[in-house]
N, C-alpha and C. Protein backbone atom coordinates (compact mmCIF):
# COMPACT_ATOMS: atom_id res chain seq x y z
N UNK A 1 0.84 -1.18 0.00
CA UNK A 1 0.00 0.00 0.00
C UNK A 1 0.87 1.24 0.00
N UNK A 2 0.54 2.20 -0.80
CA UNK A 2 1.31 3.44 -0.92
C UNK A 2 0.93 4.38 0.22
N UNK A 3 1.90 4.78 1.04
CA UNK A 3 1.62 5.65 2.19
C UNK A 3 1.32 7.07 1.73
N UNK A 4 1.96 7.54 0.66
CA UNK A 4 1.77 8.91 0.19
C UNK A 4 0.40 9.13 -0.45
N UNK A 5 -0.28 8.08 -0.76
CA UNK A 5 -1.58 8.18 -1.41
C UNK A 5 -2.66 8.52 -0.38
N UNK A 6 -3.54 9.47 -0.67
CA UNK A 6 -4.56 9.83 0.31
C UNK A 6 -5.58 8.72 0.49
N UNK A 7 -6.09 8.59 1.71
CA UNK A 7 -7.08 7.56 1.99
C UNK A 7 -8.48 8.04 1.69
N UNK A 8 -8.71 9.33 1.79
CA UNK A 8 -10.03 9.91 1.52
C UNK A 8 -9.85 11.08 0.56
N UNK A 9 -10.79 11.25 -0.33
CA UNK A 9 -10.78 12.40 -1.23
C UNK A 9 -12.07 13.16 -1.00
N UNK A 10 -11.94 14.45 -0.71
CA UNK A 10 -13.11 15.30 -0.47
C UNK A 10 -13.08 16.47 -1.45
N UNK A 11 -14.25 16.98 -1.77
CA UNK A 11 -14.36 18.12 -2.66
C UNK A 11 -14.84 19.32 -1.86
N UNK A 12 -14.10 20.42 -1.96
CA UNK A 12 -14.44 21.65 -1.26
C UNK A 12 -14.46 22.81 -2.24
N UNK A 13 -15.28 23.83 -1.97
CA UNK A 13 -15.23 25.02 -2.83
C UNK A 13 -13.95 25.81 -2.58
N UNK A 14 -13.23 26.10 -3.65
CA UNK A 14 -11.96 26.83 -3.56
C UNK A 14 -11.99 27.95 -4.60
N UNK A 15 -11.56 29.14 -4.18
CA UNK A 15 -11.49 30.28 -5.12
C UNK A 15 -10.03 30.63 -5.32
N UNK A 16 -9.59 30.59 -6.57
CA UNK A 16 -8.21 30.97 -6.90
C UNK A 16 -8.09 32.49 -6.89
N UNK A 17 -7.02 32.98 -6.29
CA UNK A 17 -6.79 34.42 -6.21
C UNK A 17 -5.96 34.88 -7.40
N UNK A 18 -6.36 36.01 -7.98
CA UNK A 18 -5.57 36.58 -9.08
C UNK A 18 -4.36 37.28 -8.50
N UNK A 19 -3.45 37.67 -9.35
CA UNK A 19 -2.24 38.35 -8.90
C UNK A 19 -2.58 39.67 -8.21
N UNK A 20 -3.56 40.40 -8.74
CA UNK A 20 -3.96 41.67 -8.13
C UNK A 20 -4.53 41.46 -6.73
N UNK A 21 -5.34 40.42 -6.55
CA UNK A 21 -5.89 40.12 -5.22
C UNK A 21 -4.80 39.73 -4.24
N UNK A 22 -3.85 38.94 -4.71
CA UNK A 22 -2.75 38.53 -3.83
C UNK A 22 -1.91 39.73 -3.42
N UNK A 23 -1.62 40.63 -4.35
CA UNK A 23 -0.83 41.82 -4.03
C UNK A 23 -1.61 42.73 -3.09
N UNK A 24 -2.92 42.88 -3.29
CA UNK A 24 -3.74 43.72 -2.42
C UNK A 24 -3.76 43.17 -0.99
N UNK A 25 -3.96 41.84 -0.85
CA UNK A 25 -3.97 41.23 0.48
C UNK A 25 -2.62 41.41 1.17
N UNK A 26 -1.53 41.23 0.43
CA UNK A 26 -0.19 41.35 1.01
C UNK A 26 0.10 42.79 1.41
N UNK A 27 -0.26 43.75 0.56
CA UNK A 27 0.03 45.15 0.88
C UNK A 27 -0.80 45.64 2.06
N UNK A 28 -2.06 45.19 2.17
CA UNK A 28 -2.85 45.54 3.35
C UNK A 28 -2.20 45.04 4.62
N UNK A 29 -1.68 43.82 4.59
CA UNK A 29 -1.04 43.25 5.77
C UNK A 29 0.27 43.94 6.10
N UNK A 30 1.08 44.24 5.08
CA UNK A 30 2.36 44.93 5.31
C UNK A 30 2.12 46.29 5.94
N UNK A 31 1.25 47.10 5.33
CA UNK A 31 1.02 48.44 5.85
C UNK A 31 0.26 48.43 7.18
N UNK A 32 -0.61 47.46 7.37
CA UNK A 32 -1.34 47.37 8.64
C UNK A 32 -0.43 47.01 9.80
N UNK A 33 0.39 45.98 9.62
CA UNK A 33 1.29 45.54 10.70
C UNK A 33 2.39 46.56 10.93
N UNK A 34 3.07 46.97 9.87
CA UNK A 34 4.17 47.93 10.03
C UNK A 34 3.66 49.26 10.56
N UNK A 35 2.54 49.74 10.03
CA UNK A 35 2.00 51.02 10.48
C UNK A 35 1.58 51.00 11.93
N UNK A 36 0.91 49.92 12.35
CA UNK A 36 0.49 49.87 13.75
C UNK A 36 1.68 49.74 14.69
N UNK A 37 2.70 48.99 14.31
CA UNK A 37 3.89 48.90 15.17
C UNK A 37 4.63 50.24 15.23
N UNK A 38 4.68 50.96 14.13
CA UNK A 38 5.34 52.27 14.15
C UNK A 38 4.56 53.28 15.00
N UNK A 39 3.23 53.25 14.90
CA UNK A 39 2.42 54.15 15.72
C UNK A 39 2.57 53.81 17.20
N UNK A 40 2.53 52.53 17.53
CA UNK A 40 2.69 52.11 18.93
C UNK A 40 4.07 52.51 19.44
N UNK A 41 5.11 52.35 18.61
CA UNK A 41 6.46 52.74 19.02
C UNK A 41 6.58 54.24 19.27
N UNK A 42 5.96 55.05 18.42
CA UNK A 42 6.02 56.51 18.62
C UNK A 42 5.22 56.94 19.84
N UNK A 43 4.05 56.38 20.03
CA UNK A 43 3.25 56.71 21.21
C UNK A 43 3.97 56.28 22.48
N UNK A 44 4.58 55.11 22.44
CA UNK A 44 5.31 54.64 23.62
C UNK A 44 6.50 55.54 23.93
N UNK A 45 7.15 56.05 22.91
CA UNK A 45 8.28 56.95 23.14
C UNK A 45 7.82 58.27 23.75
N UNK A 46 6.65 58.75 23.30
CA UNK A 46 6.15 60.03 23.82
C UNK A 46 5.56 59.90 25.23
N UNK A 47 4.90 58.79 25.51
CA UNK A 47 4.20 58.66 26.79
C UNK A 47 5.01 57.96 27.87
N UNK A 48 5.87 57.05 27.48
CA UNK A 48 6.64 56.28 28.45
C UNK A 48 8.12 56.62 28.32
N UNK A 49 8.80 56.77 29.40
CA UNK A 49 10.24 57.02 29.31
C UNK A 49 11.04 55.73 29.14
N UNK A 50 10.60 54.89 28.21
CA UNK A 50 11.27 53.61 27.97
C UNK A 50 11.74 53.59 26.52
N UNK A 51 12.97 54.00 26.24
CA UNK A 51 13.42 54.04 24.85
C UNK A 51 13.66 52.65 24.26
N UNK A 52 13.82 51.65 25.09
CA UNK A 52 14.06 50.31 24.55
C UNK A 52 12.86 49.78 23.78
N UNK A 53 11.68 50.10 24.25
CA UNK A 53 10.47 49.67 23.53
C UNK A 53 10.41 50.33 22.15
N UNK A 54 10.74 51.60 22.10
CA UNK A 54 10.77 52.33 20.83
C UNK A 54 11.84 51.74 19.90
N UNK A 55 13.00 51.46 20.43
CA UNK A 55 14.10 50.94 19.61
C UNK A 55 13.87 49.50 19.17
N UNK A 56 13.05 48.75 19.87
CA UNK A 56 12.76 47.37 19.47
C UNK A 56 11.59 47.29 18.48
N UNK A 57 10.61 48.18 18.62
CA UNK A 57 9.44 48.12 17.75
C UNK A 57 9.72 48.59 16.33
N UNK A 58 10.64 49.51 16.15
CA UNK A 58 10.93 49.99 14.80
C UNK A 58 11.58 48.91 13.93
N UNK A 59 12.64 48.22 14.36
CA UNK A 59 13.15 47.13 13.53
C UNK A 59 12.15 45.99 13.37
N UNK A 60 11.37 45.74 14.42
CA UNK A 60 10.35 44.69 14.32
C UNK A 60 9.30 45.04 13.26
N UNK A 61 8.94 46.32 13.17
CA UNK A 61 7.97 46.75 12.16
C UNK A 61 8.51 46.57 10.75
N UNK A 62 9.78 46.84 10.55
CA UNK A 62 10.36 46.74 9.21
C UNK A 62 10.74 45.31 8.83
N UNK A 63 10.74 44.39 9.78
CA UNK A 63 11.01 42.98 9.48
C UNK A 63 9.71 42.19 9.44
N UNK A 64 8.87 42.36 10.47
CA UNK A 64 7.67 41.55 10.60
C UNK A 64 6.62 41.89 9.54
N UNK A 65 6.44 43.16 9.20
CA UNK A 65 5.44 43.55 8.21
C UNK A 65 5.69 42.93 6.84
N UNK A 66 6.88 43.12 6.25
CA UNK A 66 7.13 42.48 4.96
C UNK A 66 7.14 40.95 5.00
N UNK A 67 7.56 40.37 6.11
CA UNK A 67 7.57 38.91 6.23
C UNK A 67 6.15 38.36 6.21
N UNK A 68 5.26 38.96 6.99
CA UNK A 68 3.86 38.52 6.97
C UNK A 68 3.20 38.82 5.64
N UNK A 69 3.58 39.93 5.00
CA UNK A 69 3.06 40.24 3.67
C UNK A 69 3.48 39.21 2.63
N UNK A 70 4.71 38.73 2.74
CA UNK A 70 5.18 37.69 1.82
C UNK A 70 4.38 36.41 2.00
N UNK A 71 4.11 36.03 3.25
CA UNK A 71 3.33 34.83 3.50
C UNK A 71 1.90 34.98 2.98
N UNK A 72 1.33 36.18 3.08
CA UNK A 72 -0.01 36.42 2.55
C UNK A 72 0.00 36.41 1.02
N UNK A 73 1.05 36.94 0.40
CA UNK A 73 1.15 36.95 -1.06
C UNK A 73 1.32 35.54 -1.61
N UNK A 74 1.96 34.67 -0.85
CA UNK A 74 2.25 33.31 -1.29
C UNK A 74 0.98 32.45 -1.40
N UNK A 75 -0.07 32.78 -0.64
CA UNK A 75 -1.31 32.01 -0.70
C UNK A 75 -2.01 32.26 -2.03
N UNK A 76 -2.35 31.19 -2.72
CA UNK A 76 -2.94 31.31 -4.04
C UNK A 76 -4.43 30.98 -4.08
N UNK A 77 -4.95 30.36 -3.01
CA UNK A 77 -6.36 29.98 -2.99
C UNK A 77 -6.98 30.34 -1.64
N UNK A 78 -8.32 30.46 -1.66
CA UNK A 78 -9.10 30.67 -0.44
C UNK A 78 -10.20 29.62 -0.43
N UNK A 79 -10.31 28.87 0.66
CA UNK A 79 -11.32 27.83 0.79
C UNK A 79 -12.65 28.44 1.19
N UNK A 80 -13.72 27.82 0.71
CA UNK A 80 -15.05 28.17 1.16
C UNK A 80 -15.43 27.30 2.36
N UNK A 81 -16.60 27.58 2.92
CA UNK A 81 -17.06 26.80 4.06
C UNK A 81 -17.39 25.38 3.60
N UNK A 82 -17.03 24.39 4.38
CA UNK A 82 -17.33 23.02 4.03
C UNK A 82 -17.01 22.08 5.17
N UNK A 83 -17.21 20.80 4.92
CA UNK A 83 -16.91 19.77 5.90
C UNK A 83 -16.12 18.66 5.22
N UNK A 84 -15.20 18.10 5.99
CA UNK A 84 -14.37 17.01 5.51
C UNK A 84 -14.52 15.85 6.49
N UNK A 85 -14.77 14.63 6.01
CA UNK A 85 -14.88 13.51 6.95
C UNK A 85 -13.50 13.10 7.46
N UNK A 86 -13.44 12.81 8.74
CA UNK A 86 -12.19 12.35 9.35
C UNK A 86 -11.94 10.91 8.91
N UNK A 87 -10.73 10.59 8.44
CA UNK A 87 -10.48 9.22 8.01
C UNK A 87 -10.43 8.21 9.15
N UNK A 88 -10.25 8.67 10.38
CA UNK A 88 -10.14 7.75 11.51
C UNK A 88 -11.50 7.50 12.17
N UNK A 89 -12.17 8.60 12.58
CA UNK A 89 -13.43 8.44 13.32
C UNK A 89 -14.66 8.68 12.45
N UNK A 90 -14.47 9.13 11.21
CA UNK A 90 -15.53 9.37 10.23
C UNK A 90 -16.52 10.46 10.65
N UNK A 91 -16.13 11.31 11.58
CA UNK A 91 -16.94 12.46 11.98
C UNK A 91 -16.61 13.63 11.05
N UNK A 92 -17.58 14.48 10.74
CA UNK A 92 -17.27 15.64 9.89
C UNK A 92 -16.47 16.70 10.65
N UNK A 93 -15.43 17.21 10.00
CA UNK A 93 -14.60 18.29 10.54
C UNK A 93 -14.90 19.53 9.72
N UNK A 94 -15.29 20.62 10.38
CA UNK A 94 -15.68 21.84 9.68
C UNK A 94 -14.45 22.59 9.19
N UNK A 95 -14.53 23.04 7.94
CA UNK A 95 -13.50 23.90 7.35
C UNK A 95 -14.08 25.32 7.36
N UNK A 96 -13.49 26.24 8.13
CA UNK A 96 -14.07 27.58 8.21
C UNK A 96 -13.94 28.34 6.89
N UNK A 97 -14.86 29.26 6.69
CA UNK A 97 -14.86 30.08 5.48
C UNK A 97 -13.68 31.05 5.54
N UNK A 98 -12.96 31.17 4.45
CA UNK A 98 -11.83 32.11 4.38
C UNK A 98 -10.49 31.50 4.73
N UNK A 99 -10.41 30.20 4.93
CA UNK A 99 -9.12 29.56 5.15
C UNK A 99 -8.31 29.68 3.88
N UNK A 100 -7.05 30.02 3.99
CA UNK A 100 -6.26 30.30 2.80
C UNK A 100 -5.02 29.42 2.72
N UNK A 101 -4.66 29.08 1.49
CA UNK A 101 -3.41 28.42 1.17
C UNK A 101 -3.41 26.91 1.32
N UNK A 102 -2.57 26.29 0.50
CA UNK A 102 -2.30 24.86 0.61
C UNK A 102 -0.99 24.66 1.32
N UNK A 103 -0.79 23.66 2.08
CA UNK A 103 -1.77 22.72 2.59
C UNK A 103 -2.50 23.31 3.79
N UNK A 104 -3.80 23.13 3.82
CA UNK A 104 -4.62 23.58 4.95
C UNK A 104 -4.66 22.45 5.97
N UNK A 105 -4.41 22.77 7.21
CA UNK A 105 -4.34 21.75 8.25
C UNK A 105 -5.39 22.01 9.32
N UNK A 106 -6.05 20.93 9.76
CA UNK A 106 -7.08 21.00 10.79
C UNK A 106 -6.90 19.84 11.74
N UNK A 107 -7.31 20.05 12.98
CA UNK A 107 -7.27 18.99 13.98
C UNK A 107 -8.67 18.45 14.18
N UNK A 108 -8.78 17.14 14.21
CA UNK A 108 -10.05 16.47 14.48
C UNK A 108 -10.15 16.27 16.01
N UNK A 109 -11.37 16.24 16.55
CA UNK A 109 -11.49 15.98 17.99
C UNK A 109 -10.94 14.63 18.42
N UNK A 110 -10.82 13.67 17.49
CA UNK A 110 -10.27 12.36 17.86
C UNK A 110 -8.75 12.40 18.03
N UNK A 111 -8.11 13.50 17.61
CA UNK A 111 -6.69 13.66 17.88
C UNK A 111 -5.77 13.60 16.68
N UNK A 112 -6.29 13.37 15.48
CA UNK A 112 -5.40 13.34 14.32
C UNK A 112 -5.48 14.67 13.58
N UNK A 113 -4.48 14.91 12.76
CA UNK A 113 -4.43 16.14 11.97
C UNK A 113 -4.79 15.82 10.53
N UNK A 114 -5.72 16.62 10.00
CA UNK A 114 -6.12 16.50 8.59
C UNK A 114 -5.36 17.54 7.79
N UNK A 115 -4.93 17.14 6.61
CA UNK A 115 -4.20 18.05 5.74
C UNK A 115 -4.87 18.04 4.37
N UNK A 116 -5.26 19.22 3.89
CA UNK A 116 -5.92 19.35 2.60
C UNK A 116 -4.92 19.81 1.57
N UNK A 117 -4.82 19.06 0.48
CA UNK A 117 -3.94 19.39 -0.64
C UNK A 117 -4.74 19.33 -1.93
N UNK A 118 -4.26 19.98 -2.98
CA UNK A 118 -4.99 19.89 -4.26
C UNK A 118 -4.86 18.49 -4.84
N UNK A 119 -5.91 18.07 -5.54
CA UNK A 119 -5.87 16.76 -6.21
C UNK A 119 -4.91 16.83 -7.37
N UNK A 120 -4.17 15.78 -7.56
CA UNK A 120 -3.17 15.74 -8.64
C UNK A 120 -3.79 15.39 -9.97
């Protein structure tokens, strides 16, 4: 028996993202994370006499924002709401609406992890 072969095949609604949608999602995340960290760093510098917080948040904003934006840009699909049967206990596991990217991973209440990949 081939271990790499899936034991169950399920069909879920998936929407492919265009390049413009991927860039828009990534830019919103970059500017949202970086901007909020920069604002928090400036407010902390003005209100608190703790310069270390200010000096740590600025590099974190310029590293964390683009890194999270890259991960958001890398996602090519968005899953719709659905259910997947667990291969062990055969109970339905809910896939929330708006889950993004392959492989999507979920935990079943019986204790195993489900991984969703595109069909070959």
